[in-house]
Protein backbone atom coordinates (compact mmCIF):
# COMPACT_ATOMS: atom_id res chain seq x y z
CA MET A 1 -12.21 -8.98 -15.31
CA ILE A 2 -8.52 -8.96 -16.17
CA ASN A 3 -7.44 -7.70 -19.59
CA ILE A 4 -4.61 -9.60 -21.27
CA GLY A 5 -2.71 -8.57 -24.38
CA LEU A 6 -0.59 -10.87 -26.57
CA CYS A 7 1.78 -9.34 -29.14
CA PHE A 8 3.73 -11.77 -31.35
CA GLU A 9 4.47 -11.57 -35.06
CA ASN A 10 4.41 -15.34 -35.49
CA ASP A 11 0.89 -16.75 -35.96
CA ALA A 12 1.74 -20.18 -34.52
CA GLU A 13 3.26 -18.60 -31.42
CA LEU A 14 0.29 -16.32 -30.96
CA SER A 15 -2.16 -19.21 -31.37
CA PHE A 16 -0.23 -21.38 -28.90
CA LEU A 17 -0.27 -18.68 -26.24
CA TYR A 18 -3.93 -17.87 -26.74
CA THR A 19 -5.03 -21.52 -26.52
CA GLU A 20 -2.90 -22.40 -23.50
CA LEU A 21 -3.72 -19.23 -21.54
CA CYS A 22 -7.43 -19.84 -22.07
CA LYS A 23 -7.07 -23.39 -20.73
CA CYS A 24 -4.96 -22.22 -17.78
CA PHE A 25 -7.29 -19.43 -16.68
CA ASP A 26 -10.50 -21.37 -17.39
CA LEU A 27 -9.26 -24.11 -15.07
CA ARG A 28 -8.89 -21.55 -12.26
CA GLY A 29 -12.21 -19.85 -12.89
CA VAL A 30 -10.54 -16.55 -13.82
CA ASP A 31 -12.67 -13.84 -15.42
CA TYR A 32 -10.49 -12.65 -18.30
CA ASN A 33 -10.39 -11.14 -21.76
CA ILE A 34 -7.55 -11.82 -24.22
CA CYS A 35 -6.71 -9.64 -27.21
CA CYS A 36 -4.16 -10.76 -29.82
CA TYR A 37 -1.92 -8.42 -31.81
CA HIS A 38 0.61 -9.20 -34.55
CA ASN A 39 2.48 -5.89 -34.40
CA THR A 40 2.66 -2.52 -32.69
CA ALA A 41 0.25 -0.91 -35.16
CA GLU A 42 -2.50 -3.37 -34.19
CA LEU A 43 -1.55 -2.95 -30.53
CA ARG A 44 -1.86 0.85 -30.66
CA ARG A 45 -5.33 0.60 -32.20
CA GLY A 46 -6.40 -2.03 -29.65
CA ILE A 47 -5.33 -0.27 -26.48
CA GLN A 48 -7.35 2.80 -27.35
CA ARG A 49 -10.36 0.82 -26.19
CA LYS A 50 -9.00 -0.87 -23.05
CA ARG A 51 -6.21 -0.82 -20.45
CA LEU A 52 -4.14 -3.99 -20.23
CA ASP A 53 -3.34 -5.71 -16.92
CA LEU A 54 -1.11 -8.47 -18.34
CA PHE A 55 1.06 -8.20 -21.44
CA PHE A 56 2.72 -11.21 -23.08
CA PHE A 57 5.10 -10.12 -25.83
CA ASP A 58 8.11 -10.94 -28.00
CA ILE A 59 10.84 -8.79 -26.46
CA MET A 60 12.78 -8.75 -29.77
CA GLY A 61 9.74 -8.47 -32.02
CA GLU A 62 9.72 -5.86 -34.80
CA TYR A 63 13.39 -5.13 -34.10
CA GLY A 64 12.60 -3.99 -30.56
CA LEU A 65 9.48 -1.95 -31.34
CA ILE A 66 7.22 -4.31 -29.37
CA ARG A 67 9.45 -3.87 -26.33
CA MET A 68 9.18 -0.07 -26.73
CA ALA A 69 5.41 -0.51 -26.88
CA ALA A 70 5.57 -2.45 -23.59
CA LEU A 71 7.33 0.51 -21.98
CA SER A 72 4.56 2.82 -23.24
CA LEU A 73 1.90 0.48 -21.84
CA LYS A 74 3.66 0.58 -18.49
CA GLU A 75 3.36 4.38 -18.48
CA LEU A 76 -0.39 4.06 -19.11
CA ASN A 77 -0.78 1.48 -16.34
CA PRO A 78 2.02 1.43 -13.73
CA ARG A 79 0.58 -1.83 -12.34
CA LEU A 80 1.00 -3.62 -15.68
CA VAL A 81 2.68 -7.04 -15.39
CA SER A 82 4.74 -8.09 -18.43
CA VAL A 83 5.74 -11.57 -19.56
CA THR A 84 8.16 -12.64 -22.29
CA PHE A 85 10.16 -15.68 -23.34
CA GLN A 86 13.87 -15.99 -22.69
CA ASN A 87 15.99 -15.07 -25.70
CA ARG A 88 19.74 -15.62 -25.48
CA ASN A 89 20.37 -13.00 -28.15
CA TYR A 90 18.68 -10.31 -26.09
CA ILE A 91 20.95 -7.88 -24.23
CA ASN A 92 19.16 -6.25 -21.32
CA PRO A 93 19.32 -2.45 -21.56
CA PRO A 94 19.27 -0.46 -18.29
CA ASN A 95 15.69 0.73 -18.75
CA ASP A 96 14.35 -2.84 -18.62
CA ILE A 97 13.90 -2.12 -14.92
CA LEU A 98 10.99 0.13 -15.94
CA LEU A 99 9.11 -2.97 -17.11
CA GLU A 100 9.18 -4.66 -13.72
CA PRO A 101 7.51 -6.82 -12.72
CA LEU A 102 8.77 -8.60 -15.85
CA TYR A 103 8.50 -12.40 -15.90
CA ILE A 104 10.87 -14.22 -18.27
CA ILE A 105 9.74 -17.74 -19.21
CA PRO A 106 12.76 -20.08 -19.63
CA ASN A 107 11.27 -22.06 -22.54
CA LYS A 108 8.12 -22.36 -24.60
CA SER A 109 6.73 -25.49 -22.98
CA ARG A 110 3.14 -25.67 -21.79
CA LYS A 111 4.28 -26.37 -18.23
CA GLN A 112 6.49 -23.28 -18.04
CA LEU A 113 3.89 -21.06 -19.71
CA TRP A 114 1.17 -22.09 -17.26
CA ALA A 115 3.46 -21.64 -14.25
CA TYR A 116 4.56 -18.14 -15.25
CA ALA A 117 1.07 -17.14 -16.39
CA VAL A 118 -0.24 -17.90 -12.90
CA LEU A 119 2.61 -15.96 -11.27
CA ALA A 120 1.95 -12.97 -13.51
CA TYR A 121 -1.80 -13.13 -12.93
CA GLU A 122 -1.38 -13.23 -9.17
CA ALA A 123 1.03 -10.29 -9.33
CA ALA A 124 -1.55 -8.32 -11.30
CA LEU A 125 -4.39 -9.48 -9.06
CA ASP A 126 -2.58 -8.74 -5.82
CA LYS A 127 -4.12 -5.81 -4.01
CA GLU A 128 -2.11 -3.07 -2.36
CA ASN A 129 -3.24 -4.10 1.13
CA ALA A 130 -3.92 -7.81 0.69
CA PHE A 131 -2.10 -10.95 -0.40
CA SER A 132 -3.91 -12.93 -3.11
CA TYR A 133 -3.53 -16.69 -3.59
CA TYR A 134 -5.34 -19.59 -5.23
CA LYS A 135 -7.11 -22.14 -3.07
CA ARG A 136 -9.48 -24.25 -5.10
CA PRO A 137 -11.97 -23.31 -6.35
CA SER A 138 -11.16 -19.58 -6.25
CA TYR A 139 -8.69 -16.87 -5.32
CA LEU A 140 -8.64 -15.61 -1.73
CA HIS A 141 -7.34 -12.32 -0.34
CA THR A 142 -5.77 -11.90 3.10
CA PRO A 143 -4.90 -8.43 4.48
CA TYR A 144 -1.13 -8.03 4.89
CA ASP A 145 -1.59 -6.46 8.31
CA SER A 146 -3.18 -9.65 9.65
CA ILE A 147 -0.40 -11.98 8.39
CA LYS A 148 2.18 -12.87 11.06
CA TYR A 149 4.32 -15.05 8.84
CA PHE A 150 4.44 -17.50 5.92
CA VAL A 151 5.86 -20.98 6.51
CA SER A 152 7.07 -23.39 3.85
CA GLU A 153 5.56 -26.87 3.65
CA GLY A 154 7.52 -28.14 0.66
CA ARG A 155 5.52 -27.39 -2.48
CA ARG A 156 2.97 -25.54 -0.38
CA THR A 157 3.12 -22.38 1.72
CA ARG A 158 0.95 -21.77 4.76
CA ILE A 159 -0.26 -18.34 5.89
CA VAL A 160 -0.33 -17.87 9.66
CA CYS A 161 -2.50 -14.94 10.70
CA ALA A 162 -3.28 -13.13 13.92
CA GLU A 163 -6.75 -14.70 13.75
CA GLU A 164 -6.28 -18.24 15.05
CA ASN A 165 -8.75 -19.80 12.60
CA HIS A 166 -7.05 -18.35 9.52
CA HIS A 167 -4.15 -20.67 8.61
CA ASN A 168 -4.71 -21.44 4.93
CA ALA A 169 -2.16 -23.37 2.86
CA PHE A 170 -1.79 -23.04 -0.90
CA TYR A 171 0.46 -24.42 -3.63
CA LYS A 172 3.35 -21.99 -4.12
CA LYS A 173 6.98 -22.11 -3.08
CA LEU A 174 8.08 -19.71 -0.35
CA ASP A 175 10.69 -18.18 -2.70
CA ASP A 176 7.89 -17.14 -5.06
CA VAL A 177 5.81 -15.78 -2.19
CA GLU A 178 8.80 -13.76 -0.99
CA ALA A 179 9.34 -12.27 -4.46
CA LEU A 180 5.67 -11.33 -4.72
CA VAL A 181 5.33 -9.91 -1.21
CA SER A 182 8.58 -7.92 -1.25
CA GLU A 183 7.24 -5.78 -4.10
CA LYS A 184 4.27 -4.78 -1.96
CA ARG A 185 5.41 -4.69 1.65
CA ARG A 186 8.93 -4.08 2.98
CA SER A 187 7.81 -5.29 6.42
CA PHE A 188 8.21 -8.96 5.37
CA LEU A 189 11.66 -10.50 5.75
CA ARG A 190 13.09 -13.99 5.26
CA ILE A 191 14.57 -15.31 8.50
CA HIS A 192 14.88 -18.98 7.59
CA GLN A 193 14.56 -21.28 4.61
CA SER A 194 11.08 -22.06 5.89
CA TYR A 195 9.92 -18.71 7.32
CA LEU A 196 9.01 -15.29 5.93
CA VAL A 197 8.00 -13.04 8.82
CA ASN A 198 6.07 -9.79 9.12
CA THR A 199 8.43 -7.61 11.20
CA ASN A 200 5.45 -5.62 12.47
CA TYR A 201 4.77 -8.62 14.74
CA VAL A 202 8.36 -8.95 16.01
CA SER A 203 8.69 -8.04 19.71
CA SER A 204 12.33 -9.12 20.21
CA TYR A 205 15.12 -10.97 18.43
CA ASN A 206 18.67 -12.27 18.75
CA ARG A 207 21.11 -14.22 16.61
CA ASN A 208 19.05 -17.40 16.87
CA HIS A 209 15.38 -16.46 16.83
CA VAL A 210 12.67 -13.81 16.65
CA ALA A 211 9.86 -13.61 19.19
CA LEU A 212 6.46 -12.40 18.03
CA THR A 213 3.99 -10.24 19.89
CA THR A 214 1.58 -13.17 19.82
CA GLY A 215 3.98 -15.51 21.65
CA GLU A 216 5.54 -17.63 18.92
CA CYS A 217 9.31 -18.01 18.63
CA LEU A 218 10.70 -18.55 15.11
CA PRO A 219 14.28 -19.59 14.23
CA ILE A 220 16.84 -17.46 12.37
CA SER A 221 19.00 -19.78 10.28
CA LYS A 222 21.68 -17.45 8.86
CA TYR A 223 23.72 -14.53 10.10
CA GLU A 224 22.77 -12.81 6.83
CA TYR A 225 19.09 -12.97 7.87
CA TYR A 226 19.96 -11.65 11.34
CA LYS A 227 21.75 -8.66 9.82
CA LYS A 228 18.77 -7.88 7.58
CA ILE A 229 16.25 -8.01 10.40
CA SER A 230 18.54 -5.90 12.61
CA SER A 231 18.78 -3.30 9.88
CA ARG A 232 15.03 -3.29 9.25
CA ILE A 233 14.14 -3.03 12.94
CA ALA A 234 16.68 -0.21 13.42
CA GLU A 235 15.10 1.60 10.49
CA LYS A 236 11.62 1.21 12.02
CA LYS A 237 12.82 2.44 15.42
CA LEU A 238 14.38 5.49 13.81
CA ARG A 239 11.28 6.23 11.77
CA TYR A 240 8.54 5.47 14.29
CA GLY A 241 10.34 5.56 17.62
CA CYS A 242 9.05 2.06 18.50
CA ARG A 243 10.69 0.02 21.24
CA MET A 244 12.26 -3.33 20.56
CA HIS A 245 14.06 -5.84 22.79
CA VAL A 246 17.25 -7.28 21.30
């Protein structure tokens, strides 16, 4: 069960979010509970009974009070994932970083809401030691330690694991996977437009490719990526004293 809170002063906005989120999560077979709040007073009374996992809110609501409430919710649950709509009049204060992960929906269309709701849900669902993704009809969880790399297949991303029979593909762009994974595991690095590699499996590398402990050879497409993997490997060698061929 995932607990979702919605806090918007406008009834029409609140109703739209509630209806669309129910449709979105019902379609994916998600076990959820949604509570609606019009203001921070209702929110304070509501959260006494439950801890929220996802919080959709008006970042400028009640002259900023709803945003302050979001910061308080984050203190209660450090794994809270927040979602708001883009507002051009909003000036990001420095402590917005405390709300991260914070997803900002570009517009109030159904398509954008569903897309960002799924991203936020997967961020909240994601376990500390496993990557979570949707493959109809349910969500699957793959341990990070078993993932060698992710490879882009256009609109889909494929997971390639140490176990030869575990190569599932799912609908999500590699950029989104990278953003999600980087919050959990620093061992994953982008080496190519199409590849996100687990550096724990890298046995050697040069300007053009990385070689994995399992035999594969993956291309490095930019010098920028080469510098990042060099820095990360050097950091690992310093910390763990591991050997690496360059």
